[in-house]
Structures are given as C-alpha cells and as structure tokens.
Amino acid sequence: ACMINKRNFKLRFNRGRPFDGLGDFGLKKINL
C-alpha cells in the first residue's frame, strides 16, 4: 500500500496526551 497513489496514514500520539476528540478517550494511535 506504500506504493499506491492514495496511501494510508498512521498517527501516533504522545504519551500523556492521547486523542479524545471523539468522546472515546485514550486513543494512542489512529489508522487512516
């Protein structure tokens, strides 16, 4: 998938500051 035109993303958040914007607390990683 790293060779296709529209590639996938991985986001890794910092320790102590996970992503909680969706009302689901504590996301350390996001796959898109």
PDB file of all heavy atoms in Angstrom:
ATOM      1  N   ALA A   1       0.821  -1.214   0.000  1.00  0.00           N
ATOM      2  CA  ALA A   1       0.000   0.000   0.000  1.00  0.00           C
ATOM      3  C   ALA A   1       0.849   1.256   0.000  1.00  0.00           C
ATOM      4  O   ALA A   1       0.342   2.351  -0.278  1.00  0.00           O
ATOM      5  CB  ALA A   1      -0.932  -0.010   1.201  1.00  0.00           C
ATOM      6  N   CYS A   2       2.126   1.132   0.315  1.00  0.00           N
ATOM      7  CA  CYS A   2       3.010   2.288   0.299  1.00  0.00           C
ATOM      8  C   CYS A   2       3.385   2.714  -1.120  1.00  0.00           C
ATOM      9  O   CYS A   2       4.048   3.737  -1.297  1.00  0.00           O
ATOM     10  CB  CYS A   2       4.283   1.980   1.089  1.00  0.00           C
ATOM     11  SG  CYS A   2       4.023   2.040   2.872  1.00  0.00           S
ATOM     12  N   MET A   3       2.981   1.907  -2.101  1.00  0.00           N
ATOM     13  CA  MET A   3       3.330   2.215  -3.488  1.00  0.00           C
ATOM     14  C   MET A   3       2.139   2.749  -4.281  1.00  0.00           C
ATOM     15  O   MET A   3       2.299   3.103  -5.451  1.00  0.00           O
ATOM     16  CB  MET A   3       3.886   0.960  -4.168  1.00  0.00           C
ATOM     17  CG  MET A   3       5.040   0.308  -3.426  1.00  0.00           C
ATOM     18  SD  MET A   3       6.429   1.439  -3.150  1.00  0.00           S
ATOM     19  CE  MET A   3       6.943   1.740  -4.851  1.00  0.00           C
ATOM     20  N   ILE A   4       0.946   2.776  -3.686  1.00  0.00           N
ATOM     21  CA  ILE A   4      -0.227   3.216  -4.421  1.00  0.00           C
ATOM     22  C   ILE A   4      -0.328   4.742  -4.396  1.00  0.00           C
ATOM     23  O   ILE A   4       0.403   5.410  -3.665  1.00  0.00           O
ATOM     24  CB  ILE A   4      -1.507   2.581  -3.844  1.00  0.00           C
ATOM     25  CG1 ILE A   4      -1.681   2.961  -2.382  1.00  0.00           C
ATOM     26  CG2 ILE A   4      -1.474   1.061  -4.003  1.00  0.00           C
ATOM     27  CD1 ILE A   4      -2.928   2.383  -1.750  1.00  0.00           C
ATOM     28  N   ASN A   5      -1.238   5.287  -5.180  1.00  0.00           N
ATOM     29  CA  ASN A   5      -1.336   6.736  -5.307  1.00  0.00           C
ATOM     30  C   ASN A   5      -1.930   7.398  -4.064  1.00  0.00           C
ATOM     31  O   ASN A   5      -1.489   8.474  -3.667  1.00  0.00           O
ATOM     32  CB  ASN A   5      -2.177   7.104  -6.526  1.00  0.00           C
ATOM     33  CG  ASN A   5      -1.452   6.813  -7.832  1.00  0.00           C
ATOM     34  OD1 ASN A   5      -0.229   6.697  -7.842  1.00  0.00           O
ATOM     35  ND2 ASN A   5      -2.184   6.689  -8.920  1.00  0.00           N
ATOM     36  N   LYS A   6      -2.943   6.769  -3.468  1.00  0.00           N
ATOM     37  CA  LYS A   6      -3.585   7.326  -2.284  1.00  0.00           C
ATOM     38  C   LYS A   6      -3.240   6.437  -1.097  1.00  0.00           C
ATOM     39  O   LYS A   6      -3.861   5.408  -0.876  1.00  0.00           O
ATOM     40  CB  LYS A   6      -5.103   7.415  -2.484  1.00  0.00           C
ATOM     41  CG  LYS A   6      -5.835   8.157  -1.379  1.00  0.00           C
ATOM     42  CD  LYS A   6      -7.343   8.172  -1.657  1.00  0.00           C
ATOM     43  CE  LYS A   6      -8.100   8.879  -0.567  1.00  0.00           C
ATOM     44  NZ  LYS A   6      -9.572   8.777  -0.774  1.00  0.00           N
ATOM     45  N   ARG A   7      -2.260   6.842  -0.328  1.00  0.00           N
ATOM     46  CA  ARG A   7      -1.674   5.963   0.682  1.00  0.00           C
ATOM     47  C   ARG A   7      -2.366   6.101   2.035  1.00  0.00           C
ATOM     48  O   ARG A   7      -3.056   7.076   2.304  1.00  0.00           O
ATOM     49  CB  ARG A   7      -0.177   6.257   0.798  1.00  0.00           C
ATOM     50  CG  ARG A   7       0.531   6.061  -0.540  1.00  0.00           C
ATOM     51  CD  ARG A   7       1.986   6.480  -0.525  1.00  0.00           C
ATOM     52  NE  ARG A   7       2.535   6.422  -1.869  1.00  0.00           N
ATOM     53  CZ  ARG A   7       3.770   6.783  -2.189  1.00  0.00           C
ATOM     54  NH1 ARG A   7       4.602   7.224  -1.246  1.00  0.00           N
ATOM     55  NH2 ARG A   7       4.184   6.702  -3.439  1.00  0.00           N
ATOM     56  N   ASN A   8      -2.153   5.090   2.859  1.00  0.00           N
ATOM     57  CA  ASN A   8      -2.741   5.063   4.197  1.00  0.00           C
ATOM     58  C   ASN A   8      -1.815   5.782   5.183  1.00  0.00           C
ATOM     59  O   ASN A   8      -0.596   5.810   5.004  1.00  0.00           O
ATOM     60  CB  ASN A   8      -2.950   3.620   4.653  1.00  0.00           C
ATOM     61  CG  ASN A   8      -3.742   2.810   3.649  1.00  0.00           C
ATOM     62  OD1 ASN A   8      -4.636   3.327   2.988  1.00  0.00           O
ATOM     63  ND2 ASN A   8      -3.417   1.529   3.529  1.00  0.00           N
ATOM     64  N   PHE A   9      -2.398   6.303   6.256  1.00  0.00           N
ATOM     65  CA  PHE A   9      -1.638   7.040   7.266  1.00  0.00           C
ATOM     66  C   PHE A   9      -1.737   6.346   8.621  1.00  0.00           C
ATOM     67  O   PHE A   9      -2.758   5.744   8.949  1.00  0.00           O
ATOM     68  CB  PHE A   9      -2.187   8.461   7.432  1.00  0.00           C
ATOM     69  CG  PHE A   9      -1.928   9.378   6.276  1.00  0.00           C
ATOM     70  CD1 PHE A   9      -2.750   9.362   5.155  1.00  0.00           C
ATOM     71  CD2 PHE A   9      -0.873  10.278   6.302  1.00  0.00           C
ATOM     72  CE1 PHE A   9      -2.532  10.223   4.095  1.00  0.00           C
ATOM     73  CE2 PHE A   9      -0.639  11.142   5.244  1.00  0.00           C
ATOM     74  CZ  PHE A   9      -1.479  11.119   4.137  1.00  0.00           C
ATOM     75  N   LYS A  10      -0.675   6.478   9.386  1.00  0.00           N
ATOM     76  CA  LYS A  10      -0.692   6.101  10.808  1.00  0.00           C
ATOM     77  C   LYS A  10      -0.236   7.296  11.618  1.00  0.00           C
ATOM     78  O   LYS A  10       0.821   7.872  11.361  1.00  0.00           O
ATOM     79  CB  LYS A  10       0.202   4.894  11.102  1.00  0.00           C
ATOM     80  CG  LYS A  10       0.217   4.525  12.597  1.00  0.00           C
ATOM     81  CD  LYS A  10       1.050   3.286  12.880  1.00  0.00           C
ATOM     82  CE  LYS A  10       0.323   2.034  12.439  1.00  0.00           C
ATOM     83  NZ  LYS A  10      -0.881   1.750  13.280  1.00  0.00           N
ATOM     84  N   LEU A  11      -1.042   7.649  12.623  1.00  0.00           N
ATOM     85  CA  LEU A  11      -0.719   8.746  13.527  1.00  0.00           C
ATOM     86  C   LEU A  11      -0.495   8.176  14.914  1.00  0.00           C
ATOM     87  O   LEU A  11      -1.292   7.369  15.400  1.00  0.00           O
ATOM     88  CB  LEU A  11      -1.863   9.765  13.583  1.00  0.00           C
ATOM     89  CG  LEU A  11      -2.128  10.652  12.366  1.00  0.00           C
ATOM     90  CD1 LEU A  11      -2.702   9.857  11.199  1.00  0.00           C
ATOM     91  CD2 LEU A  11      -3.088  11.774  12.735  1.00  0.00           C
ATOM     92  N   ARG A  12       0.581   8.575  15.558  1.00  0.00           N
ATOM     93  CA  ARG A  12       0.891   8.131  16.913  1.00  0.00           C
ATOM     94  C   ARG A  12       0.971   9.357  17.820  1.00  0.00           C
ATOM     95  O   ARG A  12       1.756  10.274  17.576  1.00  0.00           O
ATOM     96  CB  ARG A  12       2.204   7.356  16.957  1.00  0.00           C
ATOM     97  CG  ARG A  12       2.463   6.702  18.314  1.00  0.00           C
ATOM     98  CD  ARG A  12       3.713   5.834  18.287  1.00  0.00           C
ATOM     99  NE  ARG A  12       4.917   6.644  18.223  1.00  0.00           N
ATOM    100  CZ  ARG A  12       6.156   6.137  18.142  1.00  0.00           C
ATOM    101  NH1 ARG A  12       6.297   4.816  18.066  1.00  0.00           N
ATOM    102  NH2 ARG A  12       7.205   6.923  18.108  1.00  0.00           N
ATOM    103  N   PHE A  13       0.129   9.338  18.871  1.00  0.00           N
ATOM    104  CA  PHE A  13       0.053  10.471  19.776  1.00  0.00           C
ATOM    105  C   PHE A  13       1.046  10.327  20.918  1.00  0.00           C
ATOM    106  O   PHE A  13       1.515   9.229  21.230  1.00  0.00           O
ATOM    107  CB  PHE A  13      -1.379  10.619  20.302  1.00  0.00           C
ATOM    108  CG  PHE A  13      -2.349  11.032  19.242  1.00  0.00           C
ATOM    109  CD1 PHE A  13      -2.914  10.098  18.391  1.00  0.00           C
ATOM    110  CD2 PHE A  13      -2.682  12.359  19.066  1.00  0.00           C
ATOM    111  CE1 PHE A  13      -3.797  10.469  17.396  1.00  0.00           C
ATOM    112  CE2 PHE A  13      -3.565  12.756  18.078  1.00  0.00           C
ATOM    113  CZ  PHE A  13      -4.120  11.802  17.231  1.00  0.00           C
ATOM    114  N   ASN A  14       1.349  11.440  21.555  1.00  0.00           N
ATOM    115  CA  ASN A  14       2.367  11.459  22.595  1.00  0.00           C
ATOM    116  C   ASN A  14       1.837  10.894  23.912  1.00  0.00           C
ATOM    117  O   ASN A  14       0.645  10.973  24.211  1.00  0.00           O
ATOM    118  CB  ASN A  14       2.842  12.897  22.822  1.00  0.00           C
ATOM    119  CG  ASN A  14       3.612  13.434  21.632  1.00  0.00           C
ATOM    120  OD1 ASN A  14       4.626  12.877  21.232  1.00  0.00           O
ATOM    121  ND2 ASN A  14       3.126  14.525  21.059  1.00  0.00           N
ATOM    122  N   ARG A  15       2.744  10.332  24.676  1.00  0.00           N
ATOM    123  CA  ARG A  15       2.399   9.819  25.996  1.00  0.00           C
ATOM    124  C   ARG A  15       1.880  10.964  26.868  1.00  0.00           C
ATOM    125  O   ARG A  15       2.466  12.033  26.941  1.00  0.00           O
ATOM    126  CB  ARG A  15       3.638   9.176  26.644  1.00  0.00           C
ATOM    127  CG  ARG A  15       3.358   8.517  27.983  1.00  0.00           C
ATOM    128  CD  ARG A  15       4.516   7.607  28.371  1.00  0.00           C
ATOM    129  NE  ARG A  15       5.759   8.333  28.543  1.00  0.00           N
ATOM    130  CZ  ARG A  15       6.216   8.777  29.709  1.00  0.00           C
ATOM    131  NH1 ARG A  15       5.510   8.563  30.809  1.00  0.00           N
ATOM    132  NH2 ARG A  15       7.367   9.407  29.791  1.00  0.00           N
ATOM    133  N   GLY A  16       0.762  10.724  27.507  1.00  0.00           N
ATOM    134  CA  GLY A  16       0.148  11.737  28.334  1.00  0.00           C
ATOM    135  C   GLY A  16      -0.835  12.631  27.608  1.00  0.00           C
ATOM    136  O   GLY A  16      -1.544  13.427  28.235  1.00  0.00           O
ATOM    137  N   ARG A  17      -0.917  12.511  26.279  1.00  0.00           N
ATOM    138  CA  ARG A  17      -1.863  13.339  25.517  1.00  0.00           C
ATOM    139  C   ARG A  17      -2.490  12.513  24.397  1.00  0.00           C
ATOM    140  O   ARG A  17      -2.269  12.750  23.214  1.00  0.00           O
ATOM    141  CB  ARG A  17      -1.150  14.560  24.938  1.00  0.00           C
ATOM    142  CG  ARG A  17      -2.108  15.552  24.242  1.00  0.00           C
ATOM    143  CD  ARG A  17      -2.862  16.399  25.207  1.00  0.00           C
ATOM    144  NE  ARG A  17      -3.941  17.131  24.553  1.00  0.00           N
ATOM    145  CZ  ARG A  17      -3.770  18.226  23.804  1.00  0.00           C
ATOM    146  NH1 ARG A  17      -2.568  18.718  23.595  1.00  0.00           N
ATOM    147  NH2 ARG A  17      -4.811  18.826  23.264  1.00  0.00           N
ATOM    148  N   PRO A  18      -3.291  11.489  24.743  1.00  0.00           N
ATOM    149  CA  PRO A  18      -3.973  10.708  23.707  1.00  0.00           C
ATOM    150  C   PRO A  18      -5.091  11.515  23.073  1.00  0.00           C
ATOM    151  O   PRO A  18      -5.508  12.551  23.604  1.00  0.00           O
ATOM    152  CB  PRO A  18      -4.520   9.508  24.483  1.00  0.00           C
ATOM    153  CG  PRO A  18      -4.749  10.042  25.859  1.00  0.00           C
ATOM    154  CD  PRO A  18      -3.633  11.039  26.108  1.00  0.00           C
ATOM    155  N   PHE A  19      -5.573  11.041  21.950  1.00  0.00           N
ATOM    156  CA  PHE A  19      -6.658  11.725  21.252  1.00  0.00           C
ATOM    157  C   PHE A  19      -7.989  11.332  21.865  1.00  0.00           C
ATOM    158  O   PHE A  19      -8.337  10.161  21.926  1.00  0.00           O
ATOM    159  CB  PHE A  19      -6.637  11.351  19.772  1.00  0.00           C
ATOM    160  CG  PHE A  19      -7.771  11.930  18.980  1.00  0.00           C
ATOM    161  CD1 PHE A  19      -8.027  13.297  19.005  1.00  0.00           C
ATOM    162  CD2 PHE A  19      -8.589  11.116  18.214  1.00  0.00           C
ATOM    163  CE1 PHE A  19      -9.076  13.834  18.276  1.00  0.00           C
ATOM    164  CE2 PHE A  19      -9.632  11.648  17.490  1.00  0.00           C
ATOM    165  CZ  PHE A  19      -9.882  13.010  17.513  1.00  0.00           C
ATOM    166  N   ASP A  20      -8.751  12.326  22.323  1.00  0.00           N
ATOM    167  CA  ASP A  20     -10.035  12.055  22.942  1.00  0.00           C
ATOM    168  C   ASP A  20     -11.154  12.883  22.323  1.00  0.00           C
ATOM    169  O   ASP A  20     -12.212  13.057  22.922  1.00  0.00           O
ATOM    170  CB  ASP A  20      -9.978  12.298  24.451  1.00  0.00           C
ATOM    171  CG  ASP A  20      -9.525  13.715  24.787  1.00  0.00           C
ATOM    172  OD1 ASP A  20      -9.419  14.542  23.862  1.00  0.00           O
ATOM    173  OD2 ASP A  20      -9.277  14.003  25.965  1.00  0.00           O
ATOM    174  N   GLY A  21     -10.942  13.372  21.112  1.00  0.00           N
ATOM    175  CA  GLY A  21     -11.905  14.259  20.484  1.00  0.00           C
ATOM    176  C   GLY A  21     -13.181  13.599  20.023  1.00  0.00           C
ATOM    177  O   GLY A  21     -14.147  14.285  19.680  1.00  0.00           O
ATOM    178  N   LEU A  22     -13.234  12.275  19.984  1.00  0.00           N
ATOM    179  CA  LEU A  22     -14.418  11.576  19.511  1.00  0.00           C
ATOM    180  C   LEU A  22     -15.287  11.080  20.661  1.00  0.00           C
ATOM    181  O   LEU A  22     -16.220  10.310  20.439  1.00  0.00           O
ATOM    182  CB  LEU A  22     -14.021  10.387  18.620  1.00  0.00           C
ATOM    183  CG  LEU A  22     -13.244  10.754  17.353  1.00  0.00           C
ATOM    184  CD1 LEU A  22     -12.744   9.510  16.645  1.00  0.00           C
ATOM    185  CD2 LEU A  22     -14.118  11.584  16.415  1.00  0.00           C
ATOM    186  N   GLY A  23     -14.965  11.508  21.878  1.00  0.00           N
ATOM    187  CA  GLY A  23     -15.712  11.032  23.027  1.00  0.00           C
ATOM    188  C   GLY A  23     -15.281   9.649  23.459  1.00  0.00           C
ATOM    189  O   GLY A  23     -15.855   9.055  24.366  1.00  0.00           O
ATOM    190  N   ASP A  24     -14.252   9.113  22.817  1.00  0.00           N
ATOM    191  CA  ASP A  24     -13.718   7.794  23.139  1.00  0.00           C
ATOM    192  C   ASP A  24     -12.290   8.027  23.618  1.00  0.00           C
ATOM    193  O   ASP A  24     -11.377   8.160  22.823  1.00  0.00           O
ATOM    194  CB  ASP A  24     -13.750   6.902  21.909  1.00  0.00           C
ATOM    195  CG  ASP A  24     -13.558   5.438  22.245  1.00  0.00           C
ATOM    196  OD1 ASP A  24     -13.275   5.147  23.418  1.00  0.00           O
ATOM    197  OD2 ASP A  24     -13.689   4.592  21.355  1.00  0.00           O
ATOM    198  N   PHE A  25     -12.129   8.093  24.925  1.00  0.00           N
ATOM    199  CA  PHE A  25     -10.886   8.597  25.489  1.00  0.00           C
ATOM    200  C   PHE A  25      -9.732   7.602  25.316  1.00  0.00           C
ATOM    201  O   PHE A  25      -9.911   6.404  25.363  1.00  0.00           O
ATOM    202  CB  PHE A  25     -11.081   8.903  26.975  1.00  0.00           C
ATOM    203  CG  PHE A  25     -12.073  10.000  27.211  1.00  0.00           C
ATOM    204  CD1 PHE A  25     -13.401   9.711  27.458  1.00  0.00           C
ATOM    205  CD2 PHE A  25     -11.671  11.315  27.151  1.00  0.00           C
ATOM    206  CE1 PHE A  25     -14.313  10.728  27.670  1.00  0.00           C
ATOM    207  CE2 PHE A  25     -12.575  12.343  27.355  1.00  0.00           C
ATOM    208  CZ  PHE A  25     -13.905  12.045  27.606  1.00  0.00           C
ATOM    209  N   GLY A  26      -8.558   8.163  25.117  1.00  0.00           N
ATOM    210  CA  GLY A  26      -7.357   7.363  25.206  1.00  0.00           C
ATOM    211  C   GLY A  26      -6.856   6.730  23.926  1.00  0.00           C
ATOM    212  O   GLY A  26      -6.187   5.706  23.999  1.00  0.00           O
ATOM    213  N   LEU A  27      -7.158   7.311  22.759  1.00  0.00           N
ATOM    214  CA  LEU A  27      -6.633   6.748  21.514  1.00  0.00           C
ATOM    215  C   LEU A  27      -5.168   7.155  21.365  1.00  0.00           C
ATOM    216  O   LEU A  27      -4.850   8.327  21.214  1.00  0.00           O
ATOM    217  CB  LEU A  27      -7.436   7.241  20.314  1.00  0.00           C
ATOM    218  CG  LEU A  27      -8.892   6.807  20.233  1.00  0.00           C
ATOM    219  CD1 LEU A  27      -9.536   7.337  18.957  1.00  0.00           C
ATOM    220  CD2 LEU A  27      -9.016   5.287  20.284  1.00  0.00           C
ATOM    221  N   LYS A  28      -4.286   6.169  21.383  1.00  0.00           N
ATOM    222  CA  LYS A  28      -2.855   6.447  21.246  1.00  0.00           C
ATOM    223  C   LYS A  28      -2.414   6.418  19.783  1.00  0.00           C
ATOM    224  O   LYS A  28      -1.413   7.039  19.432  1.00  0.00           O
ATOM    225  CB  LYS A  28      -2.054   5.420  22.050  1.00  0.00           C
ATOM    226  CG  LYS A  28      -2.357   5.441  23.545  1.00  0.00           C
ATOM    227  CD  LYS A  28      -1.579   4.358  24.274  1.00  0.00           C
ATOM    228  CE  LYS A  28      -1.904   4.359  25.756  1.00  0.00           C
ATOM    229  NZ  LYS A  28      -1.186   3.279  26.479  1.00  0.00           N
ATOM    230  N   LYS A  29      -3.160   5.678  18.954  1.00  0.00           N
ATOM    231  CA  LYS A  29      -2.817   5.571  17.537  1.00  0.00           C
ATOM    232  C   LYS A  29      -4.091   5.656  16.702  1.00  0.00           C
ATOM    233  O   LYS A  29      -5.153   5.200  17.126  1.00  0.00           O
ATOM    234  CB  LYS A  29      -2.086   4.260  17.240  1.00  0.00           C
ATOM    235  CG  LYS A  29      -0.730   4.138  17.927  1.00  0.00           C
ATOM    236  CD  LYS A  29      -0.056   2.821  17.584  1.00  0.00           C
ATOM    237  CE  LYS A  29       1.301   2.686  18.291  1.00  0.00           C
ATOM    238  NZ  LYS A  29       1.968   1.402  17.979  1.00  0.00           N
ATOM    239  N   ILE A  30      -3.944   6.235  15.514  1.00  0.00           N
ATOM    240  CA  ILE A  30      -5.051   6.332  14.565  1.00  0.00           C
ATOM    241  C   ILE A  30      -4.586   5.792  13.226  1.00  0.00           C
ATOM    242  O   ILE A  30      -3.500   6.147  12.747  1.00  0.00           O
ATOM    243  CB  ILE A  30      -5.523   7.789  14.412  1.00  0.00           C
ATOM    244  CG1 ILE A  30      -6.273   8.247  15.663  1.00  0.00           C
ATOM    245  CG2 ILE A  30      -6.407   7.949  13.189  1.00  0.00           C
ATOM    246  CD1 ILE A  30      -6.769   9.677  15.576  1.00  0.00           C
ATOM    247  N   ASN A  31      -5.397   4.934  12.632  1.00  0.00           N
ATOM    248  CA  ASN A  31      -5.140   4.413  11.292  1.00  0.00           C
ATOM    249  C   ASN A  31      -6.142   5.018  10.321  1.00  0.00           C
ATOM    250  O   ASN A  31      -7.353   4.971  10.563  1.00  0.00           O
ATOM    251  CB  ASN A  31      -5.273   2.884  11.265  1.00  0.00           C
ATOM    252  CG  ASN A  31      -4.308   2.205  12.221  1.00  0.00           C
ATOM    253  OD1 ASN A  31      -3.136   2.565  12.297  1.00  0.00           O
ATOM    254  ND2 ASN A  31      -4.793   1.232  12.960  1.00  0.00           N
ATOM    255  N   LEU A  32      -5.641   5.580   9.235  1.00  0.00           N
ATOM    256  CA  LEU A  32      -6.485   6.180   8.205  1.00  0.00           C
ATOM    257  C   LEU A  32      -6.211   5.497   6.877  1.00  0.00           C
ATOM    258  O   LEU A  32      -5.090   5.560   6.360  1.00  0.00           O
ATOM    259  CB  LEU A  32      -6.209   7.688   8.088  1.00  0.00           C
ATOM    260  CG  LEU A  32      -6.381   8.513   9.364  1.00  0.00           C
ATOM    261  CD1 LEU A  32      -6.030   9.974   9.102  1.00  0.00           C
ATOM    262  CD2 LEU A  32      -7.792   8.393   9.909  1.00  0.00           C
TER     263      LEU A  32
END
